[in-house]
Full PDB file with SEQRES, HELIX, SHEET, SSBOND, CRYST1, ORIGX, SCALE, CONECT and MASTER records, all heavy atoms in Angstrom:
SEQRES   1 A   32  ALA GLU TYR ILE LEU LEU VAL THR ALA HIS GLY LEU LEU          
SEQRES   2 A   32  PHE GLY SER ALA LEU PHE GLY MET TYR GLN GLN ASN ARG          
SEQRES   3 A   32  GLN GLY VAL LEU GLN ARG                                      
HELIX    1 AA1 GLU A    2  MET A   21  1                                  20    
CRYST1    1.000    1.000    1.000  90.00  90.00  90.00 P 1           1          
ORIGX1      1.000000  0.000000  0.000000        0.00000                         
ORIGX2      0.000000  1.000000  0.000000        0.00000                         
ORIGX3      0.000000  0.000000  1.000000        0.00000                         
SCALE1      1.000000  0.000000  0.000000        0.00000                         
SCALE2      0.000000  1.000000  0.000000        0.00000                         
SCALE3      0.000000  0.000000  1.000000        0.00000                         
ATOM      1  N   ALA A   1     112.892 175.634 208.029  1.00  0.00           N  
ATOM      2  CA  ALA A   1     113.913 174.851 208.748  1.00  0.00           C  
ATOM      3  C   ALA A   1     114.288 175.460 210.083  1.00  0.00           C  
ATOM      4  O   ALA A   1     114.546 174.729 211.075  1.00  0.00           O  
ATOM      5  CB  ALA A   1     115.171 174.698 207.873  1.00  0.00           C  
ATOM      6  N   GLU A   2     114.323 176.798 210.188  1.00  0.00           N  
ATOM      7  CA  GLU A   2     114.738 177.435 211.421  1.00  0.00           C  
ATOM      8  C   GLU A   2     113.736 177.162 212.561  1.00  0.00           C  
ATOM      9  O   GLU A   2     114.100 177.058 213.720  1.00  0.00           O  
ATOM     10  CB  GLU A   2     114.934 178.945 211.234  1.00  0.00           C  
ATOM     11  CG  GLU A   2     113.685 179.726 210.867  1.00  0.00           C  
ATOM     12  CD  GLU A   2     113.492 179.866 209.352  1.00  0.00           C  
ATOM     13  OE1 GLU A   2     113.902 178.930 208.638  1.00  0.00           O  
ATOM     14  OE2 GLU A   2     112.948 180.890 208.913  1.00  0.00           O  
ATOM     15  N   TYR A   3     112.448 177.040 212.198  1.00  0.00           N  
ATOM     16  CA  TYR A   3     111.432 176.759 213.220  1.00  0.00           C  
ATOM     17  C   TYR A   3     111.556 175.290 213.698  1.00  0.00           C  
ATOM     18  O   TYR A   3     111.315 175.010 214.878  1.00  0.00           O  
ATOM     19  CB  TYR A   3     110.031 177.018 212.672  1.00  0.00           C  
ATOM     20  CG  TYR A   3     109.770 178.475 212.340  1.00  0.00           C  
ATOM     21  CD1 TYR A   3     108.757 178.835 211.462  1.00  0.00           C  
ATOM     22  CD2 TYR A   3     110.534 179.494 212.897  1.00  0.00           C  
ATOM     23  CE1 TYR A   3     108.482 180.175 211.156  1.00  0.00           C  
ATOM     24  CE2 TYR A   3     110.285 180.842 212.581  1.00  0.00           C  
ATOM     25  CZ  TYR A   3     109.279 181.156 211.711  1.00  0.00           C  
ATOM     26  OH  TYR A   3     109.043 182.473 211.406  1.00  0.00           O  
ATOM     27  N   ILE A   4     111.869 174.409 212.750  1.00  0.00           N  
ATOM     28  CA  ILE A   4     112.065 173.005 213.116  1.00  0.00           C  
ATOM     29  C   ILE A   4     113.258 172.872 214.052  1.00  0.00           C  
ATOM     30  O   ILE A   4     113.233 172.124 215.046  1.00  0.00           O  
ATOM     31  CB  ILE A   4     112.247 172.144 211.869  1.00  0.00           C  
ATOM     32  CG1 ILE A   4     111.003 172.255 210.968  1.00  0.00           C  
ATOM     33  CG2 ILE A   4     112.484 170.684 212.255  1.00  0.00           C  
ATOM     34  CD1 ILE A   4     109.697 171.839 211.606  1.00  0.00           C  
ATOM     35  N   LEU A   5     114.327 173.594 213.715  1.00  0.00           N  
ATOM     36  CA  LEU A   5     115.532 173.565 214.582  1.00  0.00           C  
ATOM     37  C   LEU A   5     115.215 174.126 215.948  1.00  0.00           C  
ATOM     38  O   LEU A   5     115.717 173.611 216.966  1.00  0.00           O  
ATOM     39  CB  LEU A   5     116.660 174.367 213.916  1.00  0.00           C  
ATOM     40  CG  LEU A   5     117.341 173.730 212.719  1.00  0.00           C  
ATOM     41  CD1 LEU A   5     118.334 174.716 212.101  1.00  0.00           C  
ATOM     42  CD2 LEU A   5     118.077 172.465 213.132  1.00  0.00           C  
ATOM     43  N   LEU A   6     114.387 175.154 215.972  1.00  0.00           N  
ATOM     44  CA  LEU A   6     114.047 175.789 217.236  1.00  0.00           C  
ATOM     45  C   LEU A   6     113.278 174.844 218.152  1.00  0.00           C  
ATOM     46  O   LEU A   6     113.596 174.699 219.344  1.00  0.00           O  
ATOM     47  CB  LEU A   6     113.171 177.050 216.958  1.00  0.00           C  
ATOM     48  CG  LEU A   6     112.967 178.026 218.122  1.00  0.00           C  
ATOM     49  CD1 LEU A   6     114.304 178.609 218.548  1.00  0.00           C  
ATOM     50  CD2 LEU A   6     112.021 179.122 217.650  1.00  0.00           C  
ATOM     51  N   VAL A   7     112.275 174.175 217.622  1.00  0.00           N  
ATOM     52  CA  VAL A   7     111.473 173.258 218.445  1.00  0.00           C  
ATOM     53  C   VAL A   7     112.316 172.021 218.815  1.00  0.00           C  
ATOM     54  O   VAL A   7     112.150 171.434 219.891  1.00  0.00           O  
ATOM     55  CB  VAL A   7     110.160 172.868 217.746  1.00  0.00           C  
ATOM     56  CG1 VAL A   7     110.414 171.848 216.616  1.00  0.00           C  
ATOM     57  CG2 VAL A   7     109.155 172.331 218.747  1.00  0.00           C  
ATOM     58  N   THR A   8     113.230 171.644 217.905  1.00  0.00           N  
ATOM     59  CA  THR A   8     114.114 170.520 218.208  1.00  0.00           C  
ATOM     60  C   THR A   8     115.047 170.855 219.364  1.00  0.00           C  
ATOM     61  O   THR A   8     115.286 170.011 220.255  1.00  0.00           O  
ATOM     62  CB  THR A   8     114.975 170.157 216.963  1.00  0.00           C  
ATOM     63  OG1 THR A   8     114.084 169.772 215.891  1.00  0.00           O  
ATOM     64  CG2 THR A   8     115.884 168.965 217.277  1.00  0.00           C  
ATOM     65  N   ALA A   9     115.565 172.069 219.389  1.00  0.00           N  
ATOM     66  CA  ALA A   9     116.461 172.489 220.477  1.00  0.00           C  
ATOM     67  C   ALA A   9     115.723 172.459 221.820  1.00  0.00           C  
ATOM     68  O   ALA A   9     116.278 172.015 222.824  1.00  0.00           O  
ATOM     69  CB  ALA A   9     116.989 173.891 220.182  1.00  0.00           C  
ATOM     70  N   HIS A  10     114.474 172.925 221.831  1.00  0.00           N  
ATOM     71  CA  HIS A  10     113.694 172.863 223.064  1.00  0.00           C  
ATOM     72  C   HIS A  10     113.457 171.417 223.469  1.00  0.00           C  
ATOM     73  O   HIS A  10     113.499 171.051 224.666  1.00  0.00           O  
ATOM     74  CB  HIS A  10     112.362 173.591 222.896  1.00  0.00           C  
ATOM     75  CG  HIS A  10     112.504 175.078 222.971  1.00  0.00           C  
ATOM     76  ND1 HIS A  10     112.844 175.863 221.879  1.00  0.00           N  
ATOM     77  CD2 HIS A  10     112.321 175.954 224.006  1.00  0.00           C  
ATOM     78  CE1 HIS A  10     112.866 177.124 222.232  1.00  0.00           C  
ATOM     79  NE2 HIS A  10     112.567 177.219 223.505  1.00  0.00           N  
ATOM     80  N   GLY A  11     113.164 170.575 222.478  1.00  0.00           N  
ATOM     81  CA  GLY A  11     112.942 169.151 222.770  1.00  0.00           C  
ATOM     82  C   GLY A  11     114.180 168.521 223.368  1.00  0.00           C  
ATOM     83  O   GLY A  11     114.087 167.695 224.288  1.00  0.00           O  
ATOM     84  N   LEU A  12     115.377 168.863 222.859  1.00  0.00           N  
ATOM     85  CA  LEU A  12     116.602 168.329 223.392  1.00  0.00           C  
ATOM     86  C   LEU A  12     116.861 168.794 224.813  1.00  0.00           C  
ATOM     87  O   LEU A  12     117.311 168.015 225.670  1.00  0.00           O  
ATOM     88  CB  LEU A  12     117.795 168.759 222.475  1.00  0.00           C  
ATOM     89  CG  LEU A  12     117.912 168.044 221.170  1.00  0.00           C  
ATOM     90  CD1 LEU A  12     119.037 168.697 220.320  1.00  0.00           C  
ATOM     91  CD2 LEU A  12     118.224 166.571 221.365  1.00  0.00           C  
ATOM     92  N   LEU A  13     116.508 170.066 225.112  1.00  0.00           N  
ATOM     93  CA  LEU A  13     116.688 170.580 226.464  1.00  0.00           C  
ATOM     94  C   LEU A  13     115.822 169.800 227.458  1.00  0.00           C  
ATOM     95  O   LEU A  13     116.334 169.312 228.479  1.00  0.00           O  
ATOM     96  CB  LEU A  13     116.302 172.058 226.510  1.00  0.00           C  
ATOM     97  CG  LEU A  13     116.284 172.701 227.908  1.00  0.00           C  
ATOM     98  CD1 LEU A  13     117.664 172.661 228.563  1.00  0.00           C  
ATOM     99  CD2 LEU A  13     115.755 174.145 227.835  1.00  0.00           C  
ATOM    100  N   PHE A  14     114.535 169.680 227.155  1.00  0.00           N  
ATOM    101  CA  PHE A  14     113.628 168.969 228.069  1.00  0.00           C  
ATOM    102  C   PHE A  14     113.906 167.468 228.097  1.00  0.00           C  
ATOM    103  O   PHE A  14     113.801 166.831 229.133  1.00  0.00           O  
ATOM    104  CB  PHE A  14     112.181 169.255 227.695  1.00  0.00           C  
ATOM    105  CG  PHE A  14     111.730 170.651 227.997  1.00  0.00           C  
ATOM    106  CD1 PHE A  14     111.588 171.591 226.987  1.00  0.00           C  
ATOM    107  CD2 PHE A  14     111.485 171.059 229.293  1.00  0.00           C  
ATOM    108  CE1 PHE A  14     111.175 172.891 227.274  1.00  0.00           C  
ATOM    109  CE2 PHE A  14     111.086 172.337 229.592  1.00  0.00           C  
ATOM    110  CZ  PHE A  14     110.928 173.261 228.590  1.00  0.00           C  
ATOM    111  N   GLY A  15     114.288 166.939 226.940  1.00  0.00           N  
ATOM    112  CA  GLY A  15     114.658 165.525 226.913  1.00  0.00           C  
ATOM    113  C   GLY A  15     115.900 165.242 227.762  1.00  0.00           C  
ATOM    114  O   GLY A  15     115.957 164.233 228.480  1.00  0.00           O  
ATOM    115  N   SER A  16     116.892 166.129 227.669  1.00  0.00           N  
ATOM    116  CA  SER A  16     118.095 165.989 228.477  1.00  0.00           C  
ATOM    117  C   SER A  16     117.772 166.103 229.937  1.00  0.00           C  
ATOM    118  O   SER A  16     118.339 165.346 230.768  1.00  0.00           O  
ATOM    119  CB  SER A  16     119.135 167.068 228.096  1.00  0.00           C  
ATOM    120  OG  SER A  16     119.525 166.925 226.750  1.00  0.00           O  
ATOM    121  N   ALA A  17     116.859 167.013 230.290  1.00  0.00           N  
ATOM    122  CA  ALA A  17     116.471 167.154 231.690  1.00  0.00           C  
ATOM    123  C   ALA A  17     115.796 165.882 232.194  1.00  0.00           C  
ATOM    124  O   ALA A  17     116.045 165.426 233.318  1.00  0.00           O  
ATOM    125  CB  ALA A  17     115.542 168.354 231.857  1.00  0.00           C  
ATOM    126  N   LEU A  18     114.941 165.304 231.355  1.00  0.00           N  
ATOM    127  CA  LEU A  18     114.258 164.064 231.729  1.00  0.00           C  
ATOM    128  C   LEU A  18     115.255 162.933 231.882  1.00  0.00           C  
ATOM    129  O   LEU A  18     115.167 162.130 232.844  1.00  0.00           O  
ATOM    130  CB  LEU A  18     113.201 163.720 230.668  1.00  0.00           C  
ATOM    131  CG  LEU A  18     112.337 162.497 230.963  1.00  0.00           C  
ATOM    132  CD1 LEU A  18     111.509 162.710 232.231  1.00  0.00           C  
ATOM    133  CD2 LEU A  18     111.421 162.207 229.750  1.00  0.00           C  
ATOM    134  N   PHE A  19     116.212 162.858 230.959  1.00  0.00           N  
ATOM    135  CA  PHE A  19     117.265 161.870 231.035  1.00  0.00           C  
ATOM    136  C   PHE A  19     118.097 162.065 232.297  1.00  0.00           C  
ATOM    137  O   PHE A  19     118.439 161.113 233.026  1.00  0.00           O  
ATOM    138  CB  PHE A  19     118.153 161.965 229.786  1.00  0.00           C  
ATOM    139  CG  PHE A  19     119.315 161.011 229.775  1.00  0.00           C  
ATOM    140  CD1 PHE A  19     119.092 159.649 229.590  1.00  0.00           C  
ATOM    141  CD2 PHE A  19     120.617 161.466 229.925  1.00  0.00           C  
ATOM    142  CE1 PHE A  19     120.171 158.758 229.567  1.00  0.00           C  
ATOM    143  CE2 PHE A  19     121.693 160.606 229.920  1.00  0.00           C  
ATOM    144  CZ  PHE A  19     121.468 159.230 229.727  1.00  0.00           C  
ATOM    145  N   GLY A  20     118.417 163.328 232.612  1.00  0.00           N  
ATOM    146  CA  GLY A  20     119.221 163.625 233.774  1.00  0.00           C  
ATOM    147  C   GLY A  20     118.553 163.272 235.084  1.00  0.00           C  
ATOM    148  O   GLY A  20     119.205 162.988 236.079  1.00  0.00           O  
ATOM    149  N   MET A  21     117.239 163.283 235.098  1.00  0.00           N  
ATOM    150  CA  MET A  21     116.484 162.926 236.297  1.00  0.00           C  
ATOM    151  C   MET A  21     116.773 161.504 236.737  1.00  0.00           C  
ATOM    152  O   MET A  21     116.722 161.171 237.916  1.00  0.00           O  
ATOM    153  CB  MET A  21     114.987 163.139 236.071  1.00  0.00           C  
ATOM    154  CG  MET A  21     114.117 162.854 237.286  1.00  0.00           C  
ATOM    155  SD  MET A  21     112.414 163.491 237.052  1.00  0.00           S  
ATOM    156  CE  MET A  21     111.915 162.593 235.594  1.00  0.00           C  
ATOM    157  N   TYR A  22     117.088 160.658 235.767  1.00  0.00           N  
ATOM    158  CA  TYR A  22     117.370 159.231 236.045  1.00  0.00           C  
ATOM    159  C   TYR A  22     118.856 158.891 235.986  1.00  0.00           C  
ATOM    160  O   TYR A  22     119.200 157.716 235.973  1.00  0.00           O  
ATOM    161  CB  TYR A  22     116.585 158.349 235.070  1.00  0.00           C  
ATOM    162  CG  TYR A  22     115.096 158.531 235.179  1.00  0.00           C  
ATOM    163  CD1 TYR A  22     114.393 159.340 234.265  1.00  0.00           C  
ATOM    164  CD2 TYR A  22     114.392 157.949 236.226  1.00  0.00           C  
ATOM    165  CE1 TYR A  22     113.028 159.500 234.359  1.00  0.00           C  
ATOM    166  CE2 TYR A  22     113.005 158.117 236.340  1.00  0.00           C  
ATOM    167  CZ  TYR A  22     112.345 158.914 235.405  1.00  0.00           C  
ATOM    168  OH  TYR A  22     110.982 159.088 235.527  1.00  0.00           O  
ATOM    169  N   GLN A  23     119.704 159.925 235.954  1.00  0.00           N  
ATOM    170  CA  GLN A  23     121.149 159.683 235.862  1.00  0.00           C  
ATOM    171  C   GLN A  23     121.891 160.264 237.074  1.00  0.00           C  
ATOM    172  O   GLN A  23     123.034 160.693 236.964  1.00  0.00           O  
ATOM    173  CB  GLN A  23     121.705 160.312 234.574  1.00  0.00           C  
ATOM    174  CG  GLN A  23     121.061 159.811 233.306  1.00  0.00           C  
ATOM    175  CD  GLN A  23     121.289 158.336 233.081  1.00  0.00           C  
ATOM    176  OE1 GLN A  23     122.418 157.850 233.233  1.00  0.00           O  
ATOM    177  NE2 GLN A  23     120.245 157.611 232.721  1.00  0.00           N  
ATOM    178  N   GLN A  24     121.226 160.322 238.209  1.00  0.00           N  
ATOM    179  CA  GLN A  24     121.751 161.102 239.334  1.00  0.00           C  
ATOM    180  C   GLN A  24     123.051 160.584 239.917  1.00  0.00           C  
ATOM    181  O   GLN A  24     123.817 161.311 240.493  1.00  0.00           O  
ATOM    182  CB  GLN A  24     120.692 161.167 240.446  1.00  0.00           C  
ATOM    183  CG  GLN A  24     119.454 161.974 240.036  1.00  0.00           C  
ATOM    184  CD  GLN A  24     119.818 163.394 239.658  1.00  0.00           C  
ATOM    185  OE1 GLN A  24     120.321 164.163 240.471  1.00  0.00           O  
ATOM    186  NE2 GLN A  24     119.576 163.762 238.432  1.00  0.00           N  
ATOM    187  N   ASN A  25     123.344 159.325 239.778  1.00  0.00           N  
ATOM    188  CA  ASN A  25     124.589 158.789 240.376  1.00  0.00           C  
ATOM    189  C   ASN A  25     125.436 158.054 239.348  1.00  0.00           C  
ATOM    190  O   ASN A  25     126.098 157.063 239.659  1.00  0.00           O  
ATOM    191  CB  ASN A  25     124.236 157.863 241.531  1.00  0.00           C  
ATOM    192  CG  ASN A  25     123.640 158.612 242.723  1.00  0.00           C  
ATOM    193  OD1 ASN A  25     124.240 159.570 243.194  1.00  0.00           O  
ATOM    194  ND2 ASN A  25     122.471 158.222 243.146  1.00  0.00           N  
ATOM    195  N   ARG A  26     125.434 158.545 238.121  1.00  0.00           N  
ATOM    196  CA  ARG A  26     126.220 157.915 237.071  1.00  0.00           C  
ATOM    197  C   ARG A  26     127.252 158.929 236.539  1.00  0.00           C  
ATOM    198  O   ARG A  26     126.986 160.121 236.457  1.00  0.00           O  
ATOM    199  CB  ARG A  26     125.307 157.438 235.935  1.00  0.00           C  
ATOM    200  CG  ARG A  26     124.367 156.340 236.408  1.00  0.00           C  
ATOM    201  CD  ARG A  26     123.575 155.774 235.232  1.00  0.00           C  
ATOM    202  NE  ARG A  26     122.651 154.718 235.665  1.00  0.00           N  
ATOM    203  CZ  ARG A  26     121.876 154.025 234.862  1.00  0.00           C  
ATOM    204  NH1 ARG A  26     121.926 154.250 233.556  1.00  0.00           N  
ATOM    205  NH2 ARG A  26     121.095 153.105 235.333  1.00  0.00           N  
ATOM    206  N   GLN A  27     128.412 158.408 236.173  1.00  0.00           N  
ATOM    207  CA  GLN A  27     129.495 159.212 235.661  1.00  0.00           C  
ATOM    208  C   GLN A  27     129.380 159.426 234.181  1.00  0.00           C  
ATOM    209  O   GLN A  27     128.612 158.713 233.504  1.00  0.00           O  
ATOM    210  CB  GLN A  27     130.850 158.561 236.020  1.00  0.00           C  
ATOM    211  CG  GLN A  27     131.090 158.356 237.490  1.00  0.00           C  
ATOM    212  CD  GLN A  27     131.531 159.641 238.184  1.00  0.00           C  
ATOM    213  OE1 GLN A  27     131.592 160.690 237.554  1.00  0.00           O  
ATOM    214  NE2 GLN A  27     131.854 159.579 239.455  1.00  0.00           N  
ATOM    215  N   GLY A  28     130.167 160.361 233.656  1.00  0.00           N  
ATOM    216  CA  GLY A  28     130.189 160.604 232.209  1.00  0.00           C  
ATOM    217  C   GLY A  28     129.774 162.019 231.860  1.00  0.00           C  
ATOM    218  O   GLY A  28     128.977 162.635 232.552  1.00  0.00           O  
ATOM    219  N   VAL A  29     130.357 162.532 230.770  1.00  0.00           N  
ATOM    220  CA  VAL A  29     130.062 163.907 230.345  1.00  0.00           C  
ATOM    221  C   VAL A  29     128.599 164.082 230.007  1.00  0.00           C  
ATOM    222  O   VAL A  29     127.958 165.066 230.410  1.00  0.00           O  
ATOM    223  CB  VAL A  29     130.929 164.275 229.135  1.00  0.00           C  
ATOM    224  CG1 VAL A  29     130.563 165.654 228.607  1.00  0.00           C  
ATOM    225  CG2 VAL A  29     132.411 164.225 229.496  1.00  0.00           C  
ATOM    226  N   LEU A  30     128.024 163.125 229.290  1.00  0.00           N  
ATOM    227  CA  LEU A  30     126.629 163.222 228.890  1.00  0.00           C  
ATOM    228  C   LEU A  30     125.719 163.238 230.106  1.00  0.00           C  
ATOM    229  O   LEU A  30     124.768 164.042 230.167  1.00  0.00           O  
ATOM    230  CB  LEU A  30     126.253 162.032 227.982  1.00  0.00           C  
ATOM    231  CG  LEU A  30     124.795 162.034 227.436  1.00  0.00           C  
ATOM    232  CD1 LEU A  30     124.553 163.251 226.576  1.00  0.00           C  
ATOM    233  CD2 LEU A  30     124.559 160.753 226.650  1.00  0.00           C  
ATOM    234  N   GLN A  31     126.019 162.388 231.070  1.00  0.00           N  
ATOM    235  CA  GLN A  31     125.214 162.341 232.303  1.00  0.00           C  
ATOM    236  C   GLN A  31     125.325 163.655 233.071  1.00  0.00           C  
ATOM    237  O   GLN A  31     124.320 164.173 233.593  1.00  0.00           O  
ATOM    238  CB  GLN A  31     125.676 161.173 233.186  1.00  0.00           C  
ATOM    239  CG  GLN A  31     125.254 159.812 232.702  1.00  0.00           C  
ATOM    240  CD  GLN A  31     126.120 159.278 231.566  1.00  0.00           C  
ATOM    241  OE1 GLN A  31     127.101 159.931 231.178  1.00  0.00           O  
ATOM    242  NE2 GLN A  31     125.770 158.109 231.042  1.00  0.00           N  
ATOM    243  N   ARG A  32     126.499 164.232 233.154  1.00  0.00           N  
ATOM    244  CA  ARG A  32     126.685 165.491 233.870  1.00  0.00           C  
ATOM    245  C   ARG A  32     125.934 166.630 233.212  1.00  0.00           C  
ATOM    246  O   ARG A  32     125.269 167.437 233.869  1.00  0.00           O  
ATOM    247  CB  ARG A  32     128.171 165.820 233.973  1.00  0.00           C  
ATOM    248  CG  ARG A  32     128.946 164.876 234.898  1.00  0.00           C  
ATOM    249  CD  ARG A  32     130.406 165.237 234.913  1.00  0.00           C  
ATOM    250  NE  ARG A  32     131.152 164.309 235.769  1.00  0.00           N  
ATOM    251  CZ  ARG A  32     132.482 164.349 235.942  1.00  0.00           C  
ATOM    252  NH1 ARG A  32     133.200 165.263 235.286  1.00  0.00           N  
ATOM    253  NH2 ARG A  32     133.066 163.501 236.724  1.00  0.00           N  
TER     254      ARG A  32                                                      
MASTER        0    0    0    1    0    0    0    6  253    1    0    3          
END                                                                             
């Protein structure tokens, strides 16, 4: 389980970065 959590955390980081690339002029905590 710890390895699955580890790869999931990395996926969330890169996924958030990809999401952020398209949220440049939008408000909100998640967007920031």
